[in-house]
Amino acid sequence: MKGFTLIEMMVVVAIIAVLALMMAPMVSDRAIREQVAEALPLADLAKKPIGDAWAATQILPADNAAAGLPPAEKIVSDRVNAVTVENGSIHVRFGNRASSAIRGKTLTLRPAVVADAPIVPITWLCGYAAPPDKMTAKGPNRTDFPPGYLPARCR
């Protein structure tokens, strides 16, 4: 006898369906991580003025105005509806065309500094990342993302 029986074909289709269902959440999470990574360069607008303020005065800007930036609601992109500076931290709030899973969520980038050596450049901590040895994280962390949606450098 040549060929496959109907039951054999149904078993193969069922296995393929199970594998596809297992892959679907990974593909969705990856798309969300790509949206987050795509939005992170918008925070770069605030990094330089914050770094300059720290190097000059060892004081981090309290808000957007102190950092010389436009109001938070004016720093927007396709995925982001506000970028807020708060005591040196940069809060990126997702909205606009972001995935519904992250719309309204905030990702924080915090400066990590060596307090008694302001010449050492700021290291930026993304999300839940811990500061490197001998560095101290400054500013509040308002990240409210599930860790699985964060890019690898933010976990």
Protein backbone atom coordinates (compact mmCIF):
# COMPACT_ATOMS: atom_id res chain seq x y z
CA MET A 1 0.00 0.00 0.00
CA LYS A 2 1.25 3.43 -0.89
CA GLY A 3 0.39 6.79 0.62
CA PHE A 4 -0.85 7.96 4.00
CA THR A 5 -4.05 7.15 5.75
CA LEU A 6 -6.40 9.88 6.84
CA ILE A 7 -5.54 9.28 10.49
CA GLU A 8 -1.83 9.65 9.82
CA MET A 9 -2.46 12.93 8.02
CA MET A 10 -4.63 14.19 10.90
CA VAL A 11 -1.89 13.35 13.42
CA VAL A 12 0.68 15.30 11.39
CA VAL A 13 -1.69 18.29 11.07
CA ALA A 14 -2.38 18.17 14.83
CA ILE A 15 1.35 18.17 15.64
CA ILE A 16 1.93 21.12 13.32
CA ALA A 17 -0.99 22.99 14.92
CA VAL A 18 0.38 22.40 18.43
CA LEU A 19 3.82 23.63 17.40
CA ALA A 20 2.31 26.72 15.76
CA LEU A 21 0.30 27.52 18.90
CA MET A 22 3.45 27.19 21.00
CA MET A 23 5.32 29.63 18.72
CA ALA A 24 2.58 32.30 18.55
CA PRO A 25 3.30 33.93 21.96
CA MET A 26 7.03 34.07 21.21
CA VAL A 27 6.39 35.86 17.92
CA SER A 28 4.02 38.31 19.61
CA ASP A 29 6.48 39.04 22.44
CA ARG A 30 9.25 39.55 19.91
CA ALA A 31 7.15 42.10 18.01
CA ILE A 32 6.52 44.03 21.23
CA ARG A 33 10.24 43.96 22.14
CA GLU A 34 10.99 45.36 18.68
CA GLN A 35 8.52 48.21 19.28
CA VAL A 36 10.23 49.01 22.58
CA ALA A 37 13.69 48.92 20.99
CA GLU A 38 12.42 51.15 18.17
CA ALA A 39 11.24 53.75 20.72
CA LEU A 40 14.40 53.84 22.88
CA PRO A 41 16.35 56.27 20.63
CA LEU A 42 13.79 58.94 21.52
CA ALA A 43 15.18 58.87 25.08
CA ASP A 44 18.59 59.78 23.66
CA LEU A 45 17.35 63.37 23.37
CA ALA A 46 17.46 63.62 27.17
CA LYS A 47 20.65 61.66 27.84
CA LYS A 48 23.11 64.33 26.73
CA PRO A 49 21.66 67.23 28.77
CA ILE A 50 21.37 65.00 31.82
CA GLY A 51 24.96 63.80 31.42
CA ASP A 52 26.18 67.36 30.93
CA ALA A 53 24.36 68.55 34.06
CA TRP A 54 25.86 65.73 36.13
CA ALA A 55 29.38 66.37 34.85
CA ALA A 56 29.13 70.11 35.54
CA THR A 57 27.24 70.26 38.85
CA GLN A 58 26.74 66.70 40.16
CA ILE A 59 23.02 67.51 40.17
CA LEU A 60 20.57 65.72 37.91
CA PRO A 61 17.80 67.75 36.23
CA ALA A 62 14.50 67.62 38.13
CA ASP A 63 12.28 67.81 35.04
CA ASN A 64 12.17 68.44 31.30
CA ALA A 65 12.54 72.22 31.70
CA ALA A 66 15.62 71.86 33.92
CA ALA A 67 17.14 69.57 31.27
CA GLY A 68 16.39 72.13 28.54
CA LEU A 69 13.88 69.85 26.86
CA PRO A 70 10.37 70.53 25.54
CA PRO A 71 7.38 69.47 27.67
CA ALA A 72 6.95 65.69 27.94
CA GLU A 73 3.87 65.60 25.69
CA LYS A 74 5.85 67.25 22.86
CA ILE A 75 8.48 64.49 22.71
CA VAL A 76 6.55 61.87 20.76
CA SER A 77 6.93 59.28 18.04
CA ASP A 78 4.96 56.56 16.34
CA ARG A 79 5.06 54.40 19.50
CA VAL A 80 5.67 56.97 22.27
CA ASN A 81 3.29 59.63 23.57
CA ALA A 82 5.59 61.29 26.15
CA VAL A 83 9.17 61.40 27.40
CA THR A 84 9.51 62.78 30.92
CA VAL A 85 12.64 63.62 32.91
CA GLU A 86 12.28 63.16 36.67
CA ASN A 87 15.32 63.70 38.90
CA GLY A 88 17.62 62.37 36.18
CA SER A 89 15.45 59.41 35.18
CA ILE A 90 13.95 59.31 31.70
CA HIS A 91 10.42 57.87 31.56
CA VAL A 92 9.24 56.77 28.11
CA ARG A 93 5.45 56.32 28.06
CA PHE A 94 4.10 54.21 25.22
CA GLY A 95 0.97 55.10 23.30
CA ASN A 96 -0.02 56.23 19.83
CA ARG A 97 0.49 53.17 17.58
CA ALA A 98 2.18 50.95 20.17
CA SER A 99 0.85 47.48 20.76
CA SER A 100 -2.14 47.39 23.11
CA ALA A 101 -0.03 45.23 25.43
CA ILE A 102 2.31 48.18 26.14
CA ARG A 103 0.07 51.18 25.47
CA GLY A 104 -0.01 53.32 28.61
CA LYS A 105 3.03 51.52 30.08
CA THR A 106 6.24 53.27 31.06
CA LEU A 107 9.87 52.25 30.56
CA THR A 108 12.44 54.08 32.68
CA LEU A 109 16.08 54.70 31.88
CA ARG A 110 17.99 55.67 35.03
CA PRO A 111 21.45 57.16 35.27
CA ALA A 112 24.06 55.19 37.19
CA VAL A 113 26.94 57.31 38.44
CA VAL A 114 30.09 57.15 40.53
CA ALA A 115 29.17 59.77 43.12
CA ASP A 116 32.68 60.87 44.05
CA ALA A 117 34.04 60.80 40.47
CA PRO A 118 31.79 62.93 38.22
CA ILE A 119 34.29 62.62 35.38
CA VAL A 120 33.18 58.97 34.97
CA PRO A 121 30.44 58.96 32.30
CA ILE A 122 26.89 58.06 33.21
CA THR A 123 25.82 54.49 32.51
CA TRP A 124 22.16 54.20 31.57
CA LEU A 125 20.10 51.46 33.20
CA CYS A 126 17.11 50.30 31.23
CA GLY A 127 14.04 48.96 33.01
CA TYR A 128 14.85 46.59 35.85
CA ALA A 129 18.63 46.44 35.15
CA ALA A 130 20.87 46.69 38.21
CA PRO A 131 23.74 49.21 38.35
CA PRO A 132 27.30 48.02 37.72
CA ASP A 133 29.65 47.55 40.67
CA LYS A 134 30.78 50.79 42.32
CA MET A 135 28.02 52.76 40.59
CA THR A 136 24.81 54.06 42.14
CA ALA A 137 21.48 54.32 40.34
CA LYS A 138 19.84 57.72 40.58
CA GLY A 139 16.24 58.76 40.04
CA PRO A 140 13.03 56.76 40.36
CA ASN A 141 12.27 53.65 38.33
CA ARG A 142 8.67 53.75 37.07
CA THR A 143 8.99 50.77 34.72
CA ASP A 144 5.72 48.83 34.73
CA PHE A 145 6.38 46.43 31.85
CA PRO A 146 6.24 42.66 32.22
CA PRO A 147 9.94 41.66 31.96
CA GLY A 148 9.26 39.49 28.89
CA TYR A 149 8.40 42.58 26.82
CA LEU A 150 11.70 44.29 27.54
CA PRO A 151 14.66 44.04 25.17
CA ALA A 152 17.50 41.88 26.48
CA ARG A 153 19.58 44.87 27.63
CA CYS A 154 16.70 46.03 29.85
CA ARG A 155 16.19 42.84 31.87
